[in-house]
Amino acid sequence: MASLTPHSGDYLKVLRGTALGTLLLLAGCKIEQTPGDYIDRPGTAEAGRSEAESEVRARVLAMGQALGRRNSADALVALAPAREVFVVVPGLANGEGRGQQQMVAALDSLAAQPGRVVTRDVVVNVGPRANVAWFHAVLAAEGDTAAVGVRITGVYELSEGAWELVQAHLSVPVTPPDPSPLNRQEPAADSAEAG
């Protein structure tokens, strides 16, 4: 039995055959241009941000509509909070905490408000990679455009193809004290000018 060593004639025949076969296979290959869908064009990122903004805006508006029907369960579904969402609600028994139960308590409190709740002044911003978005809006009584309302802010993250609310803050804006004469301090009589 003959062995194939680098110096034997059989080895060179096998090597030539392999090289010839490889060349024939490569000759049959066709190189095609990469489809445009696979190339990261500048418009693609902008389209992703626009889609993200639309989805987050729709979620916030749907939450407001559900609260207007006094349905906190639908509001929760609309917001799609993450399991460990962090919620801050000053004035609520547990003012801040983690978890969907904290979000449920906040939404129940809003759904119990007198009058129909509407959402207004919704502003959504999206990060450059369209994987994070943040919003702010006002929840107020319907028809009362002068009402201060409850401000809500939140942060969404794109997780496994779905937007999840990871942080929310609901609060009533603080009104500054009235600068009436009763609140003003009279200058002291022993000031530098009195001397």
C-alpha atoms as a PDB file:
ATOM      1  CA  MET A   1       0.000   0.000   0.000  1.00  0.00           C
ATOM      2  CA  ALA A   2       1.442   3.350  -1.041  1.00  0.00           C
ATOM      3  CA  SER A   3       1.399   6.242   1.400  1.00  0.00           C
ATOM      4  CA  LEU A   4       0.791   9.838   0.458  1.00  0.00           C
ATOM      5  CA  THR A   5       3.789  11.870   1.396  1.00  0.00           C
ATOM      6  CA  PRO A   6       4.651  15.320   0.130  1.00  0.00           C
ATOM      7  CA  HIS A   7       7.311  13.787  -2.127  1.00  0.00           C
ATOM      8  CA  SER A   8       5.204  11.042  -3.701  1.00  0.00           C
ATOM      9  CA  GLY A   9       3.551  11.366  -7.087  1.00  0.00           C
ATOM     10  CA  ASP A  10       0.168  10.239  -5.700  1.00  0.00           C
ATOM     11  CA  TYR A  11       0.184  13.145  -3.273  1.00  0.00           C
ATOM     12  CA  LEU A  12       0.660  15.666  -6.096  1.00  0.00           C
ATOM     13  CA  LYS A  13      -2.173  14.084  -8.111  1.00  0.00           C
ATOM     14  CA  VAL A  14      -4.542  14.402  -5.133  1.00  0.00           C
ATOM     15  CA  LEU A  15      -3.435  17.994  -4.542  1.00  0.00           C
ATOM     16  CA  ARG A  16      -3.956  18.912  -8.227  1.00  0.00           C
ATOM     17  CA  GLY A  17      -7.364  17.253  -8.226  1.00  0.00           C
ATOM     18  CA  THR A  18      -8.440  19.169  -5.114  1.00  0.00           C
ATOM     19  CA  ALA A  19      -7.195  22.466  -6.521  1.00  0.00           C
ATOM     20  CA  LEU A  20      -8.935  21.836  -9.869  1.00  0.00           C
ATOM     21  CA  GLY A  21     -12.198  20.900  -8.146  1.00  0.00           C
ATOM     22  CA  THR A  22     -12.057  24.032  -6.005  1.00  0.00           C
ATOM     23  CA  LEU A  23     -11.459  26.249  -9.043  1.00  0.00           C
ATOM     24  CA  LEU A  24     -14.393  24.680 -10.879  1.00  0.00           C
ATOM     25  CA  LEU A  25     -16.675  25.276  -7.873  1.00  0.00           C
ATOM     26  CA  LEU A  26     -15.556  28.891  -7.536  1.00  0.00           C
ATOM     27  CA  ALA A  27     -16.076  29.496 -11.254  1.00  0.00           C
ATOM     28  CA  GLY A  28     -19.732  28.539 -10.794  1.00  0.00           C
ATOM     29  CA  CYS A  29     -20.242  31.048  -7.959  1.00  0.00           C
ATOM     30  CA  LYS A  30     -22.000  34.276  -8.711  1.00  0.00           C
ATOM     31  CA  ILE A  31     -21.392  37.396  -6.624  1.00  0.00           C
ATOM     32  CA  GLU A  32     -24.503  39.491  -6.138  1.00  0.00           C
ATOM     33  CA  GLN A  33     -24.961  42.978  -4.757  1.00  0.00           C
ATOM     34  CA  THR A  34     -26.157  43.170  -1.137  1.00  0.00           C
ATOM     35  CA  PRO A  35     -29.872  44.069  -1.003  1.00  0.00           C
ATOM     36  CA  GLY A  36     -30.640  47.554   0.254  1.00  0.00           C
ATOM     37  CA  ASP A  37     -32.723  46.138   3.142  1.00  0.00           C
ATOM     38  CA  TYR A  38     -29.522  44.840   4.766  1.00  0.00           C
ATOM     39  CA  ILE A  39     -27.694  48.142   4.637  1.00  0.00           C
ATOM     40  CA  ASP A  40     -28.132  50.555   7.563  1.00  0.00           C
ATOM     41  CA  ARG A  41     -29.265  53.691   5.794  1.00  0.00           C
ATOM     42  CA  PRO A  42     -29.648  57.019   7.655  1.00  0.00           C
ATOM     43  CA  GLY A  43     -33.453  56.996   7.116  1.00  0.00           C
ATOM     44  CA  THR A  44     -33.808  53.648   8.905  1.00  0.00           C
ATOM     45  CA  ALA A  45     -32.914  55.026  12.341  1.00  0.00           C
ATOM     46  CA  GLU A  46     -35.284  57.969  11.882  1.00  0.00           C
ATOM     47  CA  ALA A  47     -38.099  55.607  10.870  1.00  0.00           C
ATOM     48  CA  GLY A  48     -37.447  53.503  13.987  1.00  0.00           C
ATOM     49  CA  ARG A  49     -37.619  56.571  16.218  1.00  0.00           C
ATOM     50  CA  SER A  50     -40.838  57.705  14.544  1.00  0.00           C
ATOM     51  CA  GLU A  51     -42.443  54.272  15.053  1.00  0.00           C
ATOM     52  CA  ALA A  52     -41.327  54.222  18.693  1.00  0.00           C
ATOM     53  CA  GLU A  53     -42.732  57.703  19.296  1.00  0.00           C
ATOM     54  CA  SER A  54     -46.075  56.707  17.765  1.00  0.00           C
ATOM     55  CA  GLU A  55     -46.329  53.566  19.883  1.00  0.00           C
ATOM     56  CA  VAL A  56     -45.476  55.259  23.186  1.00  0.00           C
ATOM     57  CA  ARG A  57     -47.867  58.145  22.399  1.00  0.00           C
ATOM     58  CA  ALA A  58     -50.638  55.645  21.588  1.00  0.00           C
ATOM     59  CA  ARG A  59     -50.017  53.839  24.900  1.00  0.00           C
ATOM     60  CA  VAL A  60     -50.233  57.063  26.935  1.00  0.00           C
ATOM     61  CA  LEU A  61     -53.397  58.178  25.134  1.00  0.00           C
ATOM     62  CA  ALA A  62     -54.995  54.731  25.560  1.00  0.00           C
ATOM     63  CA  MET A  63     -54.185  54.896  29.276  1.00  0.00           C
ATOM     64  CA  GLY A  64     -55.977  58.257  29.471  1.00  0.00           C
ATOM     65  CA  GLN A  65     -59.000  56.929  27.596  1.00  0.00           C
ATOM     66  CA  ALA A  66     -59.230  53.946  29.951  1.00  0.00           C
ATOM     67  CA  LEU A  67     -59.025  56.237  32.986  1.00  0.00           C
ATOM     68  CA  GLY A  68     -61.760  58.373  31.407  1.00  0.00           C
ATOM     69  CA  ARG A  69     -63.947  55.238  31.484  1.00  0.00           C
ATOM     70  CA  ARG A  70     -62.789  54.676  35.104  1.00  0.00           C
ATOM     71  CA  ASN A  71     -61.176  51.415  34.024  1.00  0.00           C
ATOM     72  CA  SER A  72     -57.803  51.143  35.722  1.00  0.00           C
ATOM     73  CA  ALA A  73     -57.290  47.554  34.464  1.00  0.00           C
ATOM     74  CA  ASP A  74     -57.389  48.720  30.824  1.00  0.00           C
ATOM     75  CA  ALA A  75     -55.117  51.644  31.737  1.00  0.00           C
ATOM     76  CA  LEU A  76     -52.606  49.168  33.150  1.00  0.00           C
ATOM     77  CA  VAL A  77     -52.720  47.061  29.972  1.00  0.00           C
ATOM     78  CA  ALA A  78     -52.238  50.194  27.839  1.00  0.00           C
ATOM     79  CA  LEU A  79     -49.167  51.296  29.803  1.00  0.00           C
ATOM     80  CA  ALA A  80     -47.589  47.796  29.685  1.00  0.00           C
ATOM     81  CA  PRO A  81     -45.472  48.168  32.829  1.00  0.00           C
ATOM     82  CA  ALA A  82     -42.448  45.929  33.350  1.00  0.00           C
ATOM     83  CA  ARG A  83     -42.618  43.495  36.285  1.00  0.00           C
ATOM     84  CA  GLU A  84     -40.207  45.653  38.267  1.00  0.00           C
ATOM     85  CA  VAL A  85     -41.534  49.062  37.177  1.00  0.00           C
ATOM     86  CA  PHE A  86     -40.497  51.838  39.573  1.00  0.00           C
ATOM     87  CA  VAL A  87     -43.420  54.128  40.444  1.00  0.00           C
ATOM     88  CA  VAL A  88     -43.421  57.401  42.400  1.00  0.00           C
ATOM     89  CA  VAL A  89     -46.779  58.851  43.478  1.00  0.00           C
ATOM     90  CA  PRO A  90     -46.530  61.507  46.206  1.00  0.00           C
ATOM     91  CA  GLY A  91     -49.656  61.505  48.351  1.00  0.00           C
ATOM     92  CA  LEU A  92     -50.338  57.795  47.932  1.00  0.00           C
ATOM     93  CA  ALA A  93     -49.997  55.595  51.046  1.00  0.00           C
ATOM     94  CA  ASN A  94     -46.795  54.002  49.715  1.00  0.00           C
ATOM     95  CA  GLY A  95     -45.424  56.986  47.813  1.00  0.00           C
ATOM     96  CA  GLU A  96     -42.889  55.013  45.820  1.00  0.00           C
ATOM     97  CA  GLY A  97     -42.038  51.437  45.097  1.00  0.00           C
ATOM     98  CA  ARG A  98     -41.310  48.706  42.617  1.00  0.00           C
ATOM     99  CA  GLY A  99     -43.712  46.385  40.898  1.00  0.00           C
ATOM    100  CA  GLN A 100     -46.974  46.397  39.027  1.00  0.00           C
ATOM    101  CA  GLN A 101     -49.003  46.561  42.266  1.00  0.00           C
ATOM    102  CA  GLN A 102     -47.627  50.057  42.839  1.00  0.00           C
ATOM    103  CA  MET A 103     -48.747  51.014  39.323  1.00  0.00           C
ATOM    104  CA  VAL A 104     -52.193  49.473  39.951  1.00  0.00           C
ATOM    105  CA  ALA A 105     -52.586  51.566  43.135  1.00  0.00           C
ATOM    106  CA  ALA A 106     -51.690  54.754  41.253  1.00  0.00           C
ATOM    107  CA  LEU A 107     -54.112  54.006  38.399  1.00  0.00           C
ATOM    108  CA  ASP A 108     -56.910  53.030  40.807  1.00  0.00           C
ATOM    109  CA  SER A 109     -56.426  56.380  42.542  1.00  0.00           C
ATOM    110  CA  LEU A 110     -56.682  58.243  39.217  1.00  0.00           C
ATOM    111  CA  ALA A 111     -59.738  56.253  38.069  1.00  0.00           C
ATOM    112  CA  ALA A 112     -61.535  57.172  41.312  1.00  0.00           C
ATOM    113  CA  GLN A 113     -61.222  60.934  40.675  1.00  0.00           C
ATOM    114  CA  PRO A 114     -64.495  62.837  40.174  1.00  0.00           C
ATOM    115  CA  GLY A 115     -65.261  63.740  36.576  1.00  0.00           C
ATOM    116  CA  ARG A 116     -64.022  62.214  33.358  1.00  0.00           C
ATOM    117  CA  VAL A 117     -60.218  62.181  32.986  1.00  0.00           C
ATOM    118  CA  VAL A 118     -58.603  63.167  29.676  1.00  0.00           C
ATOM    119  CA  THR A 119     -54.981  63.165  28.569  1.00  0.00           C
ATOM    120  CA  ARG A 120     -53.463  66.317  27.129  1.00  0.00           C
ATOM    121  CA  ASP A 121     -50.078  67.848  26.344  1.00  0.00           C
ATOM    122  CA  VAL A 122     -48.454  64.476  25.524  1.00  0.00           C
ATOM    123  CA  VAL A 123     -44.784  64.856  24.585  1.00  0.00           C
ATOM    124  CA  VAL A 124     -42.674  61.821  23.653  1.00  0.00           C
ATOM    125  CA  ASN A 125     -38.907  61.717  23.072  1.00  0.00           C
ATOM    126  CA  VAL A 126     -37.004  58.712  21.723  1.00  0.00           C
ATOM    127  CA  GLY A 127     -33.330  57.842  22.112  1.00  0.00           C
ATOM    128  CA  PRO A 128     -31.032  57.719  19.059  1.00  0.00           C
ATOM    129  CA  ARG A 129     -31.143  53.910  18.794  1.00  0.00           C
ATOM    130  CA  ALA A 130     -34.942  53.802  19.247  1.00  0.00           C
ATOM    131  CA  ASN A 131     -34.650  51.431  22.214  1.00  0.00           C
ATOM    132  CA  VAL A 132     -35.626  53.886  24.965  1.00  0.00           C
ATOM    133  CA  ALA A 133     -38.336  56.560  25.093  1.00  0.00           C
ATOM    134  CA  TRP A 134     -39.580  58.986  27.716  1.00  0.00           C
ATOM    135  CA  PHE A 135     -42.779  60.987  27.915  1.00  0.00           C
ATOM    136  CA  HIS A 136     -44.674  63.566  29.911  1.00  0.00           C
ATOM    137  CA  ALA A 137     -48.388  64.373  29.849  1.00  0.00           C
ATOM    138  CA  VAL A 138     -51.173  65.905  31.902  1.00  0.00           C
ATOM    139  CA  LEU A 139     -54.248  64.030  33.143  1.00  0.00           C
ATOM    140  CA  ALA A 140     -57.067  66.486  33.868  1.00  0.00           C
ATOM    141  CA  ALA A 141     -60.842  66.718  34.159  1.00  0.00           C
ATOM    142  CA  GLU A 142     -62.541  66.832  30.774  1.00  0.00           C
ATOM    143  CA  GLY A 143     -63.605  70.299  29.650  1.00  0.00           C
ATOM    144  CA  ASP A 144     -61.602  72.098  32.330  1.00  0.00           C
ATOM    145  CA  THR A 145     -58.648  73.483  30.383  1.00  0.00           C
ATOM    146  CA  ALA A 146     -57.663  75.738  33.266  1.00  0.00           C
ATOM    147  CA  ALA A 147     -57.299  72.806  35.665  1.00  0.00           C
ATOM    148  CA  VAL A 148     -53.735  71.993  36.680  1.00  0.00           C
ATOM    149  CA  GLY A 149     -54.276  68.216  36.567  1.00  0.00           C
ATOM    150  CA  VAL A 150     -51.938  65.409  37.422  1.00  0.00           C
ATOM    151  CA  ARG A 151     -48.611  65.334  35.650  1.00  0.00           C
ATOM    152  CA  ILE A 152     -47.304  61.957  34.579  1.00  0.00           C
ATOM    153  CA  THR A 153     -43.828  61.191  33.305  1.00  0.00           C
ATOM    154  CA  GLY A 154     -42.377  57.851  32.379  1.00  0.00           C
ATOM    155  CA  VAL A 155     -39.594  55.921  30.719  1.00  0.00           C
ATOM    156  CA  TYR A 156     -40.086  53.031  28.305  1.00  0.00           C
ATOM    157  CA  GLU A 157     -37.508  50.451  27.214  1.00  0.00           C
ATOM    158  CA  LEU A 158     -37.724  48.182  24.208  1.00  0.00           C
ATOM    159  CA  SER A 159     -37.377  44.659  25.602  1.00  0.00           C
ATOM    160  CA  GLU A 160     -37.496  41.641  23.297  1.00  0.00           C
ATOM    161  CA  GLY A 161     -39.477  43.577  20.692  1.00  0.00           C
ATOM    162  CA  ALA A 162     -42.064  45.037  23.125  1.00  0.00           C
ATOM    163  CA  TRP A 163     -42.153  48.425  24.835  1.00  0.00           C
ATOM    164  CA  GLU A 164     -42.293  48.222  28.644  1.00  0.00           C
ATOM    165  CA  LEU A 165     -42.818  51.046  31.106  1.00  0.00           C
ATOM    166  CA  VAL A 166     -39.872  50.869  33.525  1.00  0.00           C
ATOM    167  CA  GLN A 167     -40.371  54.114  35.482  1.00  0.00           C
ATOM    168  CA  ALA A 168     -43.372  56.360  36.152  1.00  0.00           C
ATOM    169  CA  HIS A 169     -43.911  59.480  38.245  1.00  0.00           C
ATOM    170  CA  LEU A 170     -47.332  60.999  38.897  1.00  0.00           C
ATOM    171  CA  SER A 171     -47.733  64.261  40.782  1.00  0.00           C
ATOM    172  CA  VAL A 172     -49.782  67.407  41.180  1.00  0.00           C
ATOM    173  CA  PRO A 173     -47.709  70.535  40.485  1.00  0.00           C
ATOM    174  CA  VAL A 174     -46.860  72.574  43.570  1.00  0.00           C
ATOM    175  CA  THR A 175     -48.382  76.040  43.635  1.00  0.00           C
ATOM    176  CA  PRO A 176     -46.009  78.671  45.031  1.00  0.00           C
ATOM    177  CA  PRO A 177     -47.211  80.551  48.131  1.00  0.00           C
ATOM    178  CA  ASP A 178     -49.168  83.755  47.633  1.00  0.00           C
ATOM    179  CA  PRO A 179     -46.875  86.790  47.994  1.00  0.00           C
ATOM    180  CA  SER A 180     -49.547  88.645  50.034  1.00  0.00           C
ATOM    181  CA  PRO A 181     -48.543  91.272  52.606  1.00  0.00           C
ATOM    182  CA  LEU A 182     -49.126  88.765  55.421  1.00  0.00           C
ATOM    183  CA  ASN A 183     -46.315  86.578  54.111  1.00  0.00           C
ATOM    184  CA  ARG A 184     -43.812  89.395  53.666  1.00  0.00           C
ATOM    185  CA  GLN A 185     -41.229  90.169  56.338  1.00  0.00           C
ATOM    186  CA  GLU A 186     -40.847  93.795  57.379  1.00  0.00           C
ATOM    187  CA  PRO A 187     -37.246  95.049  57.296  1.00  0.00           C
ATOM    188  CA  ALA A 188     -35.600  95.221  60.683  1.00  0.00           C
ATOM    189  CA  ALA A 189     -35.430  98.678  62.314  1.00  0.00           C
ATOM    190  CA  ASP A 190     -31.764  98.255  63.141  1.00  0.00           C
ATOM    191  CA  SER A 191     -30.622  97.853  59.558  1.00  0.00           C
ATOM    192  CA  ALA A 192     -27.497  99.561  58.235  1.00  0.00           C
ATOM    193  CA  GLU A 193     -29.617 102.344  56.681  1.00  0.00           C
ATOM    194  CA  ALA A 194     -31.297 103.228  59.975  1.00  0.00           C
ATOM    195  CA  GLY A 195     -28.018 104.342  61.589  1.00  0.00           C
END
